[in-house]
Amino acid sequence: MIYIEHKSTEPSFWFGLERALMTRETLSDDYFLLWQVKPAVMLGRYQNAQDEADIEYAKQNGIQIARRLTGGGAVYTDLGSFQFSYI
């Protein structure tokens, strides 16, 4: 298993890395990512942002709204939480 460590706290970085790994034709091994992001609402692939988040409040308070490649519900997260990806 390959563990990838990076200091980025940008949801777009982590979602982009997940996409890059998932779309490779071949993977030499499994990948594990353990990461944190600054305040963000992470939406599932098919969710409507207006239905799931108070967009104006998020803008006023520096909370990013980001969309995952996968489905599932909306999740608020910040530097007090960890996310992980297993690919």
C-alpha atoms as a PDB file:
ATOM      1  CA  MET A   1       0.000   0.000   0.000  1.00  0.00           C
ATOM      2  CA  ILE A   2       1.234   3.472  -0.874  1.00  0.00           C
ATOM      3  CA  TYR A   3       0.583   6.314   1.576  1.00  0.00           C
ATOM      4  CA  ILE A   4       0.624   9.784   0.037  1.00  0.00           C
ATOM      5  CA  GLU A   5       1.340  12.662   2.416  1.00  0.00           C
ATOM      6  CA  HIS A   6       0.816  16.303   1.451  1.00  0.00           C
ATOM      7  CA  LYS A   7       0.276  19.535   3.390  1.00  0.00           C
ATOM      8  CA  SER A   8      -2.508  20.960   1.193  1.00  0.00           C
ATOM      9  CA  THR A   9      -5.721  21.936   2.972  1.00  0.00           C
ATOM     10  CA  GLU A  10      -7.580  22.639  -0.280  1.00  0.00           C
ATOM     11  CA  PRO A  11     -10.465  20.258  -1.034  1.00  0.00           C
ATOM     12  CA  SER A  12      -9.835  20.725  -4.769  1.00  0.00           C
ATOM     13  CA  PHE A  13      -6.285  19.392  -4.378  1.00  0.00           C
ATOM     14  CA  TRP A  14      -7.447  16.196  -2.665  1.00  0.00           C
ATOM     15  CA  PHE A  15     -10.376  15.607  -4.995  1.00  0.00           C
ATOM     16  CA  GLY A  16      -8.064  16.192  -7.962  1.00  0.00           C
ATOM     17  CA  LEU A  17      -5.524  13.722  -6.588  1.00  0.00           C
ATOM     18  CA  GLU A  18      -8.266  11.143  -6.071  1.00  0.00           C
ATOM     19  CA  ARG A  19      -9.426  11.633  -9.663  1.00  0.00           C
ATOM     20  CA  ALA A  20      -5.877  11.363 -11.019  1.00  0.00           C
ATOM     21  CA  LEU A  21      -5.317   8.092  -9.171  1.00  0.00           C
ATOM     22  CA  MET A  22      -8.713   6.619 -10.039  1.00  0.00           C
ATOM     23  CA  THR A  23      -8.386   7.346 -13.747  1.00  0.00           C
ATOM     24  CA  ARG A  24      -4.920   5.834 -14.202  1.00  0.00           C
ATOM     25  CA  GLU A  25      -5.019   2.843 -16.499  1.00  0.00           C
ATOM     26  CA  THR A  26      -3.055   0.742 -14.053  1.00  0.00           C
ATOM     27  CA  LEU A  27      -2.244   1.169 -10.412  1.00  0.00           C
ATOM     28  CA  SER A  28       0.858  -0.493  -9.045  1.00  0.00           C
ATOM     29  CA  ASP A  29      -0.655  -0.789  -5.585  1.00  0.00           C
ATOM     30  CA  ASP A  30      -3.442   0.425  -3.312  1.00  0.00           C
ATOM     31  CA  TYR A  31      -3.300   4.085  -2.260  1.00  0.00           C
ATOM     32  CA  PHE A  32      -4.204   5.536   1.121  1.00  0.00           C
ATOM     33  CA  LEU A  33      -4.667   9.273   1.685  1.00  0.00           C
ATOM     34  CA  LEU A  34      -5.279  10.849   5.093  1.00  0.00           C
ATOM     35  CA  TRP A  35      -6.108  14.514   4.813  1.00  0.00           C
ATOM     36  CA  GLN A  36      -7.577  17.638   6.388  1.00  0.00           C
ATOM     37  CA  VAL A  37      -9.117  20.683   4.756  1.00  0.00           C
ATOM     38  CA  LYS A  38      -9.922  24.192   5.819  1.00  0.00           C
ATOM     39  CA  PRO A  39     -13.650  24.839   6.400  1.00  0.00           C
ATOM     40  CA  ALA A  40     -15.652  23.287   3.583  1.00  0.00           C
ATOM     41  CA  VAL A  41     -18.972  21.738   2.702  1.00  0.00           C
ATOM     42  CA  MET A  42     -18.253  18.686   0.576  1.00  0.00           C
ATOM     43  CA  LEU A  43     -21.178  17.739  -1.645  1.00  0.00           C
ATOM     44  CA  GLY A  44     -21.915  14.351  -3.127  1.00  0.00           C
ATOM     45  CA  ARG A  45     -21.711  13.994  -6.888  1.00  0.00           C
ATOM     46  CA  TYR A  46     -25.431  14.430  -7.568  1.00  0.00           C
ATOM     47  CA  GLN A  47     -26.410  16.943  -4.895  1.00  0.00           C
ATOM     48  CA  ASN A  48     -27.764  20.422  -5.596  1.00  0.00           C
ATOM     49  CA  ALA A  49     -25.593  22.988  -3.773  1.00  0.00           C
ATOM     50  CA  GLN A  50     -28.542  25.364  -3.161  1.00  0.00           C
ATOM     51  CA  ASP A  51     -30.506  22.581  -1.477  1.00  0.00           C
ATOM     52  CA  GLU A  52     -27.634  21.368   0.705  1.00  0.00           C
ATOM     53  CA  ALA A  53     -25.739  24.485   1.812  1.00  0.00           C
ATOM     54  CA  ASP A  54     -26.394  28.101   2.707  1.00  0.00           C
ATOM     55  CA  ILE A  55     -24.201  29.491  -0.062  1.00  0.00           C
ATOM     56  CA  GLU A  56     -24.360  33.121   1.083  1.00  0.00           C
ATOM     57  CA  TYR A  57     -23.403  32.156   4.646  1.00  0.00           C
ATOM     58  CA  ALA A  58     -20.542  30.044   3.306  1.00  0.00           C
ATOM     59  CA  LYS A  59     -19.209  32.957   1.219  1.00  0.00           C
ATOM     60  CA  GLN A  60     -19.423  35.386   4.147  1.00  0.00           C
ATOM     61  CA  ASN A  61     -17.602  32.987   6.461  1.00  0.00           C
ATOM     62  CA  GLY A  62     -14.868  31.652   4.181  1.00  0.00           C
ATOM     63  CA  ILE A  63     -16.377  28.177   3.873  1.00  0.00           C
ATOM     64  CA  GLN A  64     -15.614  26.514   0.556  1.00  0.00           C
ATOM     65  CA  ILE A  65     -18.162  24.420  -1.271  1.00  0.00           C
ATOM     66  CA  ALA A  66     -16.619  21.481  -3.107  1.00  0.00           C
ATOM     67  CA  ARG A  67     -18.036  18.487  -4.951  1.00  0.00           C
ATOM     68  CA  ARG A  68     -16.780  14.919  -4.550  1.00  0.00           C
ATOM     69  CA  LEU A  69     -16.570  12.485  -7.455  1.00  0.00           C
ATOM     70  CA  THR A  70     -18.587  10.016  -5.406  1.00  0.00           C
ATOM     71  CA  GLY A  71     -22.186  10.117  -4.271  1.00  0.00           C
ATOM     72  CA  GLY A  72     -23.439  10.464  -0.734  1.00  0.00           C
ATOM     73  CA  GLY A  73     -24.573  13.322   1.439  1.00  0.00           C
ATOM     74  CA  ALA A  74     -23.223  16.767   2.192  1.00  0.00           C
ATOM     75  CA  VAL A  75     -20.560  16.928   4.893  1.00  0.00           C
ATOM     76  CA  TYR A  76     -19.142  19.936   6.741  1.00  0.00           C
ATOM     77  CA  THR A  77     -15.491  19.553   7.616  1.00  0.00           C
ATOM     78  CA  ASP A  78     -12.605  21.690   8.835  1.00  0.00           C
ATOM     79  CA  LEU A  79      -9.110  21.308  10.273  1.00  0.00           C
ATOM     80  CA  GLY A  80     -10.583  19.560  13.326  1.00  0.00           C
ATOM     81  CA  SER A  81     -11.560  16.559  11.204  1.00  0.00           C
ATOM     82  CA  PHE A  82      -9.779  13.989   9.070  1.00  0.00           C
ATOM     83  CA  GLN A  83     -10.884  12.529   5.764  1.00  0.00           C
ATOM     84  CA  PHE A  84      -9.415   9.459   4.176  1.00  0.00           C
ATOM     85  CA  SER A  85      -9.386   7.977   0.712  1.00  0.00           C
ATOM     86  CA  TYR A  86      -8.622   4.375  -0.121  1.00  0.00           C
ATOM     87  CA  ILE A  87      -8.039   3.730  -3.807  1.00  0.00           C
END
